[in-house]
C-alpha atoms as a PDB file:
ATOM      1  CA  MET A   1      34.791  37.294 124.902  1.00  0.00           C
ATOM      2  CA  GLU A   2      33.508  34.404 122.710  1.00  0.00           C
ATOM      3  CA  GLN A   3      34.119  30.812 123.862  1.00  0.00           C
ATOM      4  CA  GLU A   4      34.391  27.732 121.931  1.00  0.00           C
ATOM      5  CA  LYS A   5      35.185  24.095 122.585  1.00  0.00           C
ATOM      6  CA  ARG A   6      36.994  22.066 120.104  1.00  0.00           C
ATOM      7  CA  GLU A   7      38.503  18.407 120.072  1.00  0.00           C
ATOM      8  CA  LEU A   8      41.847  19.176 118.397  1.00  0.00           C
ATOM      9  CA  VAL A   9      43.196  22.508 117.920  1.00  0.00           C
ATOM     10  CA  ILE A  10      46.391  22.905 115.639  1.00  0.00           C
ATOM     11  CA  ILE A  11      48.441  26.052 115.927  1.00  0.00           C
ATOM     12  CA  GLY A  12      50.317  26.813 112.746  1.00  0.00           C
ATOM     13  CA  ALA A  13      49.455  25.691 109.138  1.00  0.00           C
ATOM     14  CA  GLY A  14      52.911  24.965 107.847  1.00  0.00           C
ATOM     15  CA  PRO A  15      53.831  21.306 106.724  1.00  0.00           C
ATOM     16  CA  ALA A  16      53.569  20.123 110.007  1.00  0.00           C
ATOM     17  CA  GLY A  17      50.074  21.675 110.958  1.00  0.00           C
ATOM     18  CA  LEU A  18      48.734  20.852 107.707  1.00  0.00           C
ATOM     19  CA  SER A  19      49.866  17.297 107.820  1.00  0.00           C
ATOM     20  CA  ALA A  20      48.476  17.062 111.427  1.00  0.00           C
ATOM     21  CA  ALA A  21      45.058  18.605 109.957  1.00  0.00           C
ATOM     22  CA  ILE A  22      44.866  15.866 107.433  1.00  0.00           C
ATOM     23  CA  TYR A  23      45.714  12.956 109.664  1.00  0.00           C
ATOM     24  CA  GLY A  24      43.298  14.389 112.433  1.00  0.00           C
ATOM     25  CA  LYS A  25      40.350  14.741 109.867  1.00  0.00           C
ATOM     26  CA  ARG A  26      40.916  11.193 108.641  1.00  0.00           C
ATOM     27  CA  ALA A  27      40.687  10.179 112.326  1.00  0.00           C
ATOM     28  CA  GLY A  28      37.350  11.672 112.395  1.00  0.00           C
ATOM     29  CA  LEU A  29      38.131  14.426 114.770  1.00  0.00           C
ATOM     30  CA  ASP A  30      36.861  18.004 114.964  1.00  0.00           C
ATOM     31  CA  VAL A  31      40.033  19.900 113.867  1.00  0.00           C
ATOM     32  CA  LEU A  32      40.702  23.745 114.132  1.00  0.00           C
ATOM     33  CA  VAL A  33      43.791  25.161 112.603  1.00  0.00           C
ATOM     34  CA  LEU A  34      44.879  28.530 113.703  1.00  0.00           C
ATOM     35  CA  GLU A  35      47.414  30.627 111.518  1.00  0.00           C
ATOM     36  CA  LYS A  36      48.848  34.149 111.884  1.00  0.00           C
ATOM     37  CA  GLY A  37      50.240  34.153 108.493  1.00  0.00           C
ATOM     38  CA  ALA A  38      50.047  32.386 105.246  1.00  0.00           C
ATOM     39  CA  ALA A  39      49.229  28.787 104.919  1.00  0.00           C
ATOM     40  CA  GLY A  40      52.399  26.769 104.086  1.00  0.00           C
ATOM     41  CA  GLY A  41      54.575  28.647 106.757  1.00  0.00           C
ATOM     42  CA  GLN A  42      58.369  29.321 106.157  1.00  0.00           C
ATOM     43  CA  ILE A  43      58.519  27.323 102.917  1.00  0.00           C
ATOM     44  CA  ASN A  44      56.762  30.070 101.040  1.00  0.00           C
ATOM     45  CA  LEU A  45      59.953  31.999 101.244  1.00  0.00           C
ATOM     46  CA  THR A  46      62.106  29.152  99.606  1.00  0.00           C
ATOM     47  CA  ASP A  47      62.929  29.269  96.075  1.00  0.00           C
ATOM     48  CA  SER A  48      63.453  25.626  95.195  1.00  0.00           C
ATOM     49  CA  ILE A  49      62.555  22.381  96.918  1.00  0.00           C
ATOM     50  CA  GLU A  50      64.222  19.205  95.422  1.00  0.00           C
ATOM     51  CA  ASN A  51      64.342  16.890  98.592  1.00  0.00           C
ATOM     52  CA  TYR A  52      60.688  16.100  99.257  1.00  0.00           C
ATOM     53  CA  PRO A  53      59.929  12.600  98.092  1.00  0.00           C
ATOM     54  CA  GLY A  54      57.424  12.451  94.866  1.00  0.00           C
ATOM     55  CA  ILE A  55      58.064  16.167  94.260  1.00  0.00           C
ATOM     56  CA  LEU A  56      61.005  16.180  91.759  1.00  0.00           C
ATOM     57  CA  SER A  57      61.243  20.066  92.075  1.00  0.00           C
ATOM     58  CA  ALA A  58      59.033  22.712  93.134  1.00  0.00           C
ATOM     59  CA  THR A  59      59.097  26.420  94.648  1.00  0.00           C
ATOM     60  CA  GLY A  60      58.311  26.526  98.321  1.00  0.00           C
ATOM     61  CA  PHE A  61      55.047  28.260  97.456  1.00  0.00           C
ATOM     62  CA  GLU A  62      54.023  25.558  94.921  1.00  0.00           C
ATOM     63  CA  LEU A  63      54.641  22.917  97.490  1.00  0.00           C
ATOM     64  CA  ALA A  64      52.807  24.806 100.233  1.00  0.00           C
ATOM     65  CA  GLU A  65      49.759  25.208  97.913  1.00  0.00           C
ATOM     66  CA  LEU A  66      49.861  21.440  97.413  1.00  0.00           C
ATOM     67  CA  PHE A  67      49.928  21.032 101.249  1.00  0.00           C
ATOM     68  CA  LYS A  68      47.014  23.273 101.575  1.00  0.00           C
ATOM     69  CA  LYS A  69      44.763  21.920  98.823  1.00  0.00           C
ATOM     70  CA  HIS A  70      45.356  18.537 100.294  1.00  0.00           C
ATOM     71  CA  ALA A  71      44.232  19.554 103.989  1.00  0.00           C
ATOM     72  CA  GLU A  72      41.232  21.505 102.424  1.00  0.00           C
ATOM     73  CA  LYS A  73      39.954  18.288 100.894  1.00  0.00           C
ATOM     74  CA  PHE A  74      39.150  16.872 104.206  1.00  0.00           C
ATOM     75  CA  ASN A  75      37.543  20.304 105.335  1.00  0.00           C
ATOM     76  CA  PRO A  76      39.205  21.509 108.669  1.00  0.00           C
ATOM     77  CA  GLU A  77      38.284  24.821 109.765  1.00  0.00           C
ATOM     78  CA  ILE A  78      41.378  26.934 108.942  1.00  0.00           C
ATOM     79  CA  ARG A  79      41.207  30.267 110.626  1.00  0.00           C
ATOM     80  CA  ARG A  80      43.386  33.503 110.539  1.00  0.00           C
ATOM     81  CA  ILE A  81      44.301  35.129 113.908  1.00  0.00           C
ATOM     82  CA  SER A  82      46.366  37.835 115.224  1.00  0.00           C
ATOM     83  CA  LYS A  83      47.405  36.557 118.413  1.00  0.00           C
ATOM     84  CA  CYS A  84      47.521  33.280 120.446  1.00  0.00           C
ATOM     85  CA  LYS A  85      48.470  32.193 123.998  1.00  0.00           C
ATOM     86  CA  ILE A  86      47.822  28.827 125.939  1.00  0.00           C
ATOM     87  CA  GLU A  87      46.704  28.441 129.477  1.00  0.00           C
ATOM     88  CA  ILE A  88      46.104  25.574 131.576  1.00  0.00           C
ATOM     89  CA  ARG A  89      43.327  26.061 134.170  1.00  0.00           C
ATOM     90  CA  ASP A  90      41.880  23.420 136.481  1.00  0.00           C
ATOM     91  CA  GLY A  91      43.688  20.804 134.229  1.00  0.00           C
ATOM     92  CA  LYS A  92      41.901  22.089 131.194  1.00  0.00           C
ATOM     93  CA  LYS A  93      43.714  23.584 128.177  1.00  0.00           C
ATOM     94  CA  PHE A  94      42.493  26.985 126.965  1.00  0.00           C
ATOM     95  CA  ILE A  95      43.794  28.938 124.010  1.00  0.00           C
ATOM     96  CA  LEU A  96      43.390  32.681 123.782  1.00  0.00           C
ATOM     97  CA  THR A  97      43.053  34.108 120.372  1.00  0.00           C
ATOM     98  CA  LYS A  98      41.987  37.256 118.509  1.00  0.00           C
ATOM     99  CA  LYS A  99      40.199  37.225 115.301  1.00  0.00           C
ATOM    100  CA  GLY A 100      39.915  40.849 113.994  1.00  0.00           C
ATOM    101  CA  LYS A 101      38.643  42.817 117.025  1.00  0.00           C
ATOM    102  CA  THR A 102      37.032  39.862 118.632  1.00  0.00           C
ATOM    103  CA  GLU A 103      38.772  38.130 121.706  1.00  0.00           C
ATOM    104  CA  ILE A 104      37.925  34.380 121.573  1.00  0.00           C
ATOM    105  CA  GLU A 105      38.776  31.720 124.141  1.00  0.00           C
ATOM    106  CA  ILE A 106      38.855  27.943 123.019  1.00  0.00           C
ATOM    107  CA  GLU A 107      38.812  25.009 125.115  1.00  0.00           C
ATOM    108  CA  ALA A 108      40.562  22.189 123.529  1.00  0.00           C
ATOM    109  CA  THR A 109      40.845  18.570 124.339  1.00  0.00           C
ATOM    110  CA  ALA A 110      44.063  18.219 122.746  1.00  0.00           C
ATOM    111  CA  ILE A 111      46.459  20.895 121.076  1.00  0.00           C
ATOM    112  CA  ILE A 112      49.290  20.571 118.685  1.00  0.00           C
ATOM    113  CA  ILE A 113      51.789  23.186 118.396  1.00  0.00           C
ATOM    114  CA  ALA A 114      53.227  23.642 114.997  1.00  0.00           C
ATOM    115  CA  THR A 115      54.342  27.265 114.864  1.00  0.00           C
ATOM    116  CA  GLY A 116      57.652  26.790 113.455  1.00  0.00           C
ATOM    117  CA  ALA A 117      60.876  29.006 113.582  1.00  0.00           C
ATOM    118  CA  HIS A 118      62.116  32.065 112.110  1.00  0.00           C
ATOM    119  CA  TYR A 119      65.625  33.288 110.902  1.00  0.00           C
ATOM    120  CA  LYS A 120      67.862  34.710 113.550  1.00  0.00           C
ATOM    121  CA  ARG A 121      69.254  38.244 113.224  1.00  0.00           C
ATOM    122  CA  LEU A 122      73.045  38.527 113.194  1.00  0.00           C
ATOM    123  CA  GLY A 123      73.159  41.304 115.876  1.00  0.00           C
ATOM    124  CA  CYS A 124      75.780  43.510 114.456  1.00  0.00           C
ATOM    125  CA  GLU A 125      76.016  47.165 114.437  1.00  0.00           C
ATOM    126  CA  GLY A 126      73.737  48.540 111.650  1.00  0.00           C
ATOM    127  CA  GLU A 127      71.718  45.408 111.047  1.00  0.00           C
ATOM    128  CA  ALA A 128      68.466  46.629 112.740  1.00  0.00           C
ATOM    129  CA  GLU A 129      68.714  50.095 111.153  1.00  0.00           C
ATOM    130  CA  HIS A 130      68.953  48.497 107.563  1.00  0.00           C
ATOM    131  CA  ILE A 131      66.288  45.870 107.673  1.00  0.00           C
ATOM    132  CA  GLY A 132      64.253  46.533 104.788  1.00  0.00           C
ATOM    133  CA  GLN A 133      66.717  48.901 103.291  1.00  0.00           C
ATOM    134  CA  GLY A 134      69.449  46.497 102.129  1.00  0.00           C
ATOM    135  CA  VAL A 135      69.294  43.648 104.948  1.00  0.00           C
ATOM    136  CA  SER A 136      67.073  40.708 104.152  1.00  0.00           C
ATOM    137  CA  PHE A 137      66.075  37.365 105.305  1.00  0.00           C
ATOM    138  CA  CYS A 138      64.396  36.161 102.156  1.00  0.00           C
ATOM    139  CA  ALA A 139      66.178  35.653  98.859  1.00  0.00           C
ATOM    140  CA  VAL A 140      62.863  34.906  96.896  1.00  0.00           C
ATOM    141  CA  CYS A 141      61.344  38.143  98.298  1.00  0.00           C
ATOM    142  CA  ASP A 142      63.994  40.599  97.562  1.00  0.00           C
ATOM    143  CA  GLY A 143      66.738  38.935  95.129  1.00  0.00           C
ATOM    144  CA  ALA A 144      65.349  40.783  92.141  1.00  0.00           C
ATOM    145  CA  PHE A 145      66.229  44.162  93.639  1.00  0.00           C
ATOM    146  CA  TYR A 146      69.910  43.492  93.259  1.00  0.00           C
ATOM    147  CA  LYS A 147      69.931  42.770  89.534  1.00  0.00           C
ATOM    148  CA  GLY A 148      73.526  43.336  88.315  1.00  0.00           C
ATOM    149  CA  LEU A 149      74.751  44.570  91.992  1.00  0.00           C
ATOM    150  CA  GLU A 150      77.337  42.849  94.411  1.00  0.00           C
ATOM    151  CA  ILE A 151      75.751  41.426  97.597  1.00  0.00           C
ATOM    152  CA  ALA A 152      76.671  39.174 100.424  1.00  0.00           C
ATOM    153  CA  VAL A 153      75.012  36.087 102.107  1.00  0.00           C
ATOM    154  CA  ILE A 154      75.949  35.444 105.551  1.00  0.00           C
ATOM    155  CA  GLY A 155      75.928  31.794 106.721  1.00  0.00           C
ATOM    156  CA  GLY A 156      77.175  28.367 106.043  1.00  0.00           C
ATOM    157  CA  GLY A 157      74.328  26.160 106.297  1.00  0.00           C
ATOM    158  CA  ASN A 158      72.021  24.428 103.646  1.00  0.00           C
ATOM    159  CA  THR A 159      69.807  27.544 103.539  1.00  0.00           C
ATOM    160  CA  ALA A 160      72.660  30.002 103.123  1.00  0.00           C
ATOM    161  CA  VAL A 161      74.477  28.105 100.422  1.00  0.00           C
ATOM    162  CA  GLU A 162      71.374  27.308  98.470  1.00  0.00           C
ATOM    163  CA  GLU A 163      70.089  30.828  98.571  1.00  0.00           C
ATOM    164  CA  ALA A 164      73.450  32.240  97.557  1.00  0.00           C
ATOM    165  CA  ASP A 165      73.347  30.124  94.373  1.00  0.00           C
ATOM    166  CA  TYR A 166      69.937  31.391  93.851  1.00  0.00           C
ATOM    167  CA  LEU A 167      70.828  34.875  94.117  1.00  0.00           C
ATOM    168  CA  THR A 168      73.179  34.670  91.315  1.00  0.00           C
ATOM    169  CA  ASN A 169      70.255  34.635  88.899  1.00  0.00           C
ATOM    170  CA  PHE A 170      70.206  38.546  89.681  1.00  0.00           C
ATOM    171  CA  ALA A 171      73.481  39.691  91.384  1.00  0.00           C
ATOM    172  CA  ALA A 172      76.793  40.188  89.625  1.00  0.00           C
ATOM    173  CA  LYS A 173      78.669  38.863  92.422  1.00  0.00           C
ATOM    174  CA  VAL A 174      77.676  37.086  95.697  1.00  0.00           C
ATOM    175  CA  TYR A 175      80.007  36.954  98.679  1.00  0.00           C
ATOM    176  CA  LEU A 176      79.297  34.065 100.710  1.00  0.00           C
ATOM    177  CA  ILE A 177      80.599  34.525 104.287  1.00  0.00           C
ATOM    178  CA  HIS A 178      80.947  32.097 106.925  1.00  0.00           C
ATOM    179  CA  ARG A 179      82.720  32.191 110.292  1.00  0.00           C
ATOM    180  CA  ARG A 180      84.232  28.671 109.935  1.00  0.00           C
ATOM    181  CA  ASP A 181      86.811  27.269 107.410  1.00  0.00           C
ATOM    182  CA  GLU A 182      84.286  25.168 105.574  1.00  0.00           C
ATOM    183  CA  PHE A 183      80.575  25.350 105.007  1.00  0.00           C
ATOM    184  CA  ARG A 184      78.077  22.864 106.994  1.00  0.00           C
ATOM    185  CA  ALA A 185      75.747  22.479 104.152  1.00  0.00           C
ATOM    186  CA  VAL A 186      75.345  19.176 102.517  1.00  0.00           C
ATOM    187  CA  LYS A 187      78.057  18.363  99.691  1.00  0.00           C
ATOM    188  CA  ILE A 188      75.807  18.619  96.656  1.00  0.00           C
ATOM    189  CA  ALA A 189      74.813  22.293  97.591  1.00  0.00           C
ATOM    190  CA  VAL A 190      78.266  23.242  98.455  1.00  0.00           C
ATOM    191  CA  ASP A 191      79.764  21.808  95.495  1.00  0.00           C
ATOM    192  CA  ARG A 192      77.185  23.612  93.265  1.00  0.00           C
ATOM    193  CA  ALA A 193      77.743  26.950  94.977  1.00  0.00           C
ATOM    194  CA  LEU A 194      81.587  26.672  94.771  1.00  0.00           C
ATOM    195  CA  ALA A 195      81.161  25.831  90.975  1.00  0.00           C
ATOM    196  CA  ASN A 196      79.300  29.067  90.459  1.00  0.00           C
ATOM    197  CA  PRO A 197      81.716  31.816  89.108  1.00  0.00           C
ATOM    198  CA  LYS A 198      79.655  34.488  90.613  1.00  0.00           C
ATOM    199  CA  ILE A 199      80.245  33.106  94.132  1.00  0.00           C
ATOM    200  CA  VAL A 200      82.968  34.108  96.154  1.00  0.00           C
ATOM    201  CA  PRO A 201      83.318  32.286  99.460  1.00  0.00           C
ATOM    202  CA  VAL A 202      84.865  34.211 102.488  1.00  0.00           C
ATOM    203  CA  TYR A 203      85.945  31.696 105.212  1.00  0.00           C
ATOM    204  CA  ASN A 204      86.691  32.330 108.824  1.00  0.00           C
ATOM    205  CA  SER A 205      84.983  35.670 108.763  1.00  0.00           C
ATOM    206  CA  VAL A 206      82.258  37.470 110.711  1.00  0.00           C
ATOM    207  CA  VAL A 207      80.400  40.610 109.972  1.00  0.00           C
ATOM    208  CA  THR A 208      80.954  43.362 112.574  1.00  0.00           C
ATOM    209  CA  LYS A 209      79.155  46.353 111.039  1.00  0.00           C
ATOM    210  CA  ILE A 210      76.739  47.259 108.268  1.00  0.00           C
ATOM    211  CA  GLU A 211      77.022  50.783 106.620  1.00  0.00           C
ATOM    212  CA  GLY A 212      75.099  52.925 104.504  1.00  0.00           C
ATOM    213  CA  ALA A 213      73.254  56.313 104.229  1.00  0.00           C
ATOM    214  CA  GLU A 214      70.021  55.312 102.521  1.00  0.00           C
ATOM    215  CA  GLY A 215      70.580  51.585 102.115  1.00  0.00           C
ATOM    216  CA  VAL A 216      73.599  49.210 102.288  1.00  0.00           C
ATOM    217  CA  GLU A 217      76.908  50.487 100.964  1.00  0.00           C
ATOM    218  CA  LYS A 218      79.592  48.326 102.641  1.00  0.00           C
ATOM    219  CA  ILE A 219      80.148  45.879 105.345  1.00  0.00           C
ATOM    220  CA  ILE A 220      83.029  45.556 107.747  1.00  0.00           C
ATOM    221  CA  ILE A 221      83.989  41.977 108.310  1.00  0.00           C
ATOM    222  CA  LYS A 222      86.589  40.464 110.762  1.00  0.00           C
ATOM    223  CA  ASN A 223      88.843  37.621 110.039  1.00  0.00           C
ATOM    224  CA  VAL A 224      88.336  35.406 113.397  1.00  0.00           C
ATOM    225  CA  LYS A 225      91.820  33.796 113.169  1.00  0.00           C
ATOM    226  CA  THR A 226      93.867  36.910 112.456  1.00  0.00           C
ATOM    227  CA  ASN A 227      91.373  39.731 113.793  1.00  0.00           C
ATOM    228  CA  GLU A 228      92.019  41.609 110.717  1.00  0.00           C
ATOM    229  CA  LEU A 229      89.384  44.014 109.725  1.00  0.00           C
ATOM    230  CA  SER A 230      88.545  44.475 106.018  1.00  0.00           C
ATOM    231  CA  GLU A 231      85.567  46.075 103.983  1.00  0.00           C
ATOM    232  CA  LEU A 232      83.522  44.732 101.303  1.00  0.00           C
ATOM    233  CA  LYS A 233      81.270  47.467  99.058  1.00  0.00           C
ATOM    234  CA  ILE A 234      78.190  45.801  98.419  1.00  0.00           C
ATOM    235  CA  SER A 235      74.493  46.725  98.032  1.00  0.00           C
ATOM    236  CA  GLY A 236      72.664  44.087 100.046  1.00  0.00           C
ATOM    237  CA  VAL A 237      73.064  41.689 102.832  1.00  0.00           C
ATOM    238  CA  PHE A 238      71.065  38.374 103.190  1.00  0.00           C
ATOM    239  CA  MET A 239      71.207  36.756 106.687  1.00  0.00           C
ATOM    240  CA  PHE A 240      70.830  33.055 106.928  1.00  0.00           C
ATOM    241  CA  VAL A 241      72.640  32.306 110.321  1.00  0.00           C
ATOM    242  CA  GLY A 242      70.291  29.908 112.033  1.00  0.00           C
ATOM    243  CA  GLN A 243      66.823  29.811 113.440  1.00  0.00           C
ATOM    244  CA  GLU A 244      65.001  30.556 116.552  1.00  0.00           C
ATOM    245  CA  PRO A 245      61.604  28.714 117.666  1.00  0.00           C
ATOM    246  CA  ASP A 246      58.279  30.545 117.318  1.00  0.00           C
ATOM    247  CA  ASP A 247      57.378  29.689 120.770  1.00  0.00           C
ATOM    248  CA  GLU A 248      55.510  32.839 122.152  1.00  0.00           C
ATOM    249  CA  CYS A 249      52.250  30.938 122.599  1.00  0.00           C
ATOM    250  CA  ILE A 250      53.820  28.140 124.822  1.00  0.00           C
ATOM    251  CA  ARG A 251      56.686  29.980 126.197  1.00  0.00           C
ATOM    252  CA  GLY A 252      57.251  28.844 129.956  1.00  0.00           C
ATOM    253  CA  LEU A 253      54.527  26.411 129.786  1.00  0.00           C
ATOM    254  CA  VAL A 254      56.114  23.055 128.692  1.00  0.00           C
ATOM    255  CA  GLU A 255      59.645  21.806 129.034  1.00  0.00           C
ATOM    256  CA  ALA A 256      62.200  23.115 126.487  1.00  0.00           C
ATOM    257  CA  GLU A 257      66.036  23.274 125.883  1.00  0.00           C
ATOM    258  CA  ALA A 258      68.198  26.101 125.639  1.00  0.00           C
ATOM    259  CA  GLY A 259      67.009  28.577 123.055  1.00  0.00           C
ATOM    260  CA  GLY A 260      63.303  27.490 123.393  1.00  0.00           C
ATOM    261  CA  TRP A 261      63.141  24.294 121.371  1.00  0.00           C
ATOM    262  CA  VAL A 262      60.356  22.350 122.807  1.00  0.00           C
ATOM    263  CA  LYS A 263      60.994  18.832 124.142  1.00  0.00           C
ATOM    264  CA  THR A 264      58.777  15.817 123.071  1.00  0.00           C
ATOM    265  CA  ASP A 265      58.625  12.151 123.232  1.00  0.00           C
ATOM    266  CA  GLU A 266      58.435   9.854 120.264  1.00  0.00           C
ATOM    267  CA  LYS A 267      54.703  10.569 120.098  1.00  0.00           C
ATOM    268  CA  MET A 268      55.330  14.335 119.898  1.00  0.00           C
ATOM    269  CA  GLN A 269      53.802  14.808 123.296  1.00  0.00           C
ATOM    270  CA  THR A 270      55.228  17.548 125.225  1.00  0.00           C
ATOM    271  CA  SER A 271      55.680  17.630 129.277  1.00  0.00           C
ATOM    272  CA  ILE A 272      51.860  18.283 129.501  1.00  0.00           C
ATOM    273  CA  LYS A 273      49.666  15.360 128.568  1.00  0.00           C
ATOM    274  CA  GLY A 274      47.369  16.283 125.563  1.00  0.00           C
ATOM    275  CA  ILE A 275      49.845  19.149 124.311  1.00  0.00           C
ATOM    276  CA  TYR A 276      51.888  18.077 121.297  1.00  0.00           C
ATOM    277  CA  ALA A 277      54.632  19.872 119.363  1.00  0.00           C
ATOM    278  CA  ALA A 278      55.464  19.209 115.763  1.00  0.00           C
ATOM    279  CA  GLY A 279      57.942  20.580 113.094  1.00  0.00           C
ATOM    280  CA  ASP A 280      60.650  23.155 113.334  1.00  0.00           C
ATOM    281  CA  ILE A 281      59.594  24.260 116.991  1.00  0.00           C
ATOM    282  CA  ARG A 282      60.683  20.877 118.499  1.00  0.00           C
ATOM    283  CA  SER A 283      64.003  19.770 119.768  1.00  0.00           C
ATOM    284  CA  LYS A 284      65.216  17.681 116.888  1.00  0.00           C
ATOM    285  CA  PHE A 285      68.346  16.836 114.706  1.00  0.00           C
ATOM    286  CA  LEU A 286      66.820  17.804 111.344  1.00  0.00           C
ATOM    287  CA  ARG A 287      64.395  20.466 110.545  1.00  0.00           C
ATOM    288  CA  GLN A 288      63.025  19.857 106.955  1.00  0.00           C
ATOM    289  CA  VAL A 289      59.819  19.954 105.336  1.00  0.00           C
ATOM    290  CA  ILE A 290      59.694  15.996 105.199  1.00  0.00           C
ATOM    291  CA  THR A 291      60.449  15.878 108.863  1.00  0.00           C
ATOM    292  CA  ALA A 292      57.904  18.449 109.882  1.00  0.00           C
ATOM    293  CA  ALA A 293      55.280  16.533 107.788  1.00  0.00           C
ATOM    294  CA  SER A 294      56.041  13.417 109.628  1.00  0.00           C
ATOM    295  CA  ASP A 295      55.943  15.030 113.003  1.00  0.00           C
ATOM    296  CA  GLY A 296      52.495  16.434 112.101  1.00  0.00           C
ATOM    297  CA  ALA A 297      51.165  12.972 111.066  1.00  0.00           C
ATOM    298  CA  ILE A 298      52.606  11.384 114.379  1.00  0.00           C
ATOM    299  CA  ALA A 299      51.102  14.177 116.612  1.00  0.00           C
ATOM    300  CA  ALA A 300      47.727  13.956 114.926  1.00  0.00           C
ATOM    301  CA  MET A 301      47.374  10.340 115.700  1.00  0.00           C
ATOM    302  CA  ALA A 302      48.707  10.502 119.096  1.00  0.00           C
ATOM    303  CA  ALA A 303      46.197  13.183 119.863  1.00  0.00           C
ATOM    304  CA  SER A 304      43.335  11.074 118.364  1.00  0.00           C
ATOM    305  CA  GLU A 305      44.437   8.281 120.678  1.00  0.00           C
ATOM    306  CA  TYR A 306      44.580  10.936 123.685  1.00  0.00           C
ATOM    307  CA  ILE A 307      41.019  12.433 122.756  1.00  0.00           C
ATOM    308  CA  ARG A 308      39.529   8.991 122.685  1.00  0.00           C
ATOM    309  CA  GLU A 309      40.863   7.932 126.078  1.00  0.00           C
ATOM    310  CA  THR A 310      39.621  11.047 127.461  1.00  0.00           C
ATOM    311  CA  LYS A 311      36.164  10.460 126.238  1.00  0.00           C
END
């Protein structure tokens, strides 16, 4: 096993992690960023971003590229890894990683967890069997497969409503199914979606079953007020029913609320001194690109202060 010693290790290269890398390098720190997937994180899957100040409109991929290029200007090391686990031994912080076939143990003075979150599964009958065969969690990735077809979007938040609107670029009809009697998304997104003639809202309903031989052919939905069952013949289902934290590397080590969302103070410090959390993995009110970037900046400056004190 190879061993390293670094000042600041950031786990995750989404908006929070890359923002932390920028601020960490500008503070003069030795910065290592570890990432399992593509730099930019979950925003790579977003079709359009209109609420990041200074960027009037961009795809998630375009904004992710801007974040990455900005971070690379300050030359942090960004390393692709296949696994990651944090351990505390004798008061010291260690990150166990794997790069290719090589096991690496990194001792870090400070750590920022910026691993983000992922979309939840619905958990209904037939969902697991049809993932990749009509069940999707990414409108940008799979929307073009449904040109001229009828599909369903499940959820009532910003992501569900906005992605339903985007999917009308391909689908002939989009059923927007929500378990409540009104959508939770911001008004501008709801108004835009409801004004789209291709979107059919289905309120007070949940999906109980997804059926189809080689792909999705229909879904069974239940009205939560009347318990009445009905079916919709569709060719695809897009799930946007909330998120779960990607907390595997830190699970059980720091204090977290129900569901695994990591608790921090105003400096992004977790219950362990010198370990910080930034972005969507945090217990927080709003999970957006702008709040993730802010978290990353705060965490990096707090980590810089901690590292100086430690020295």
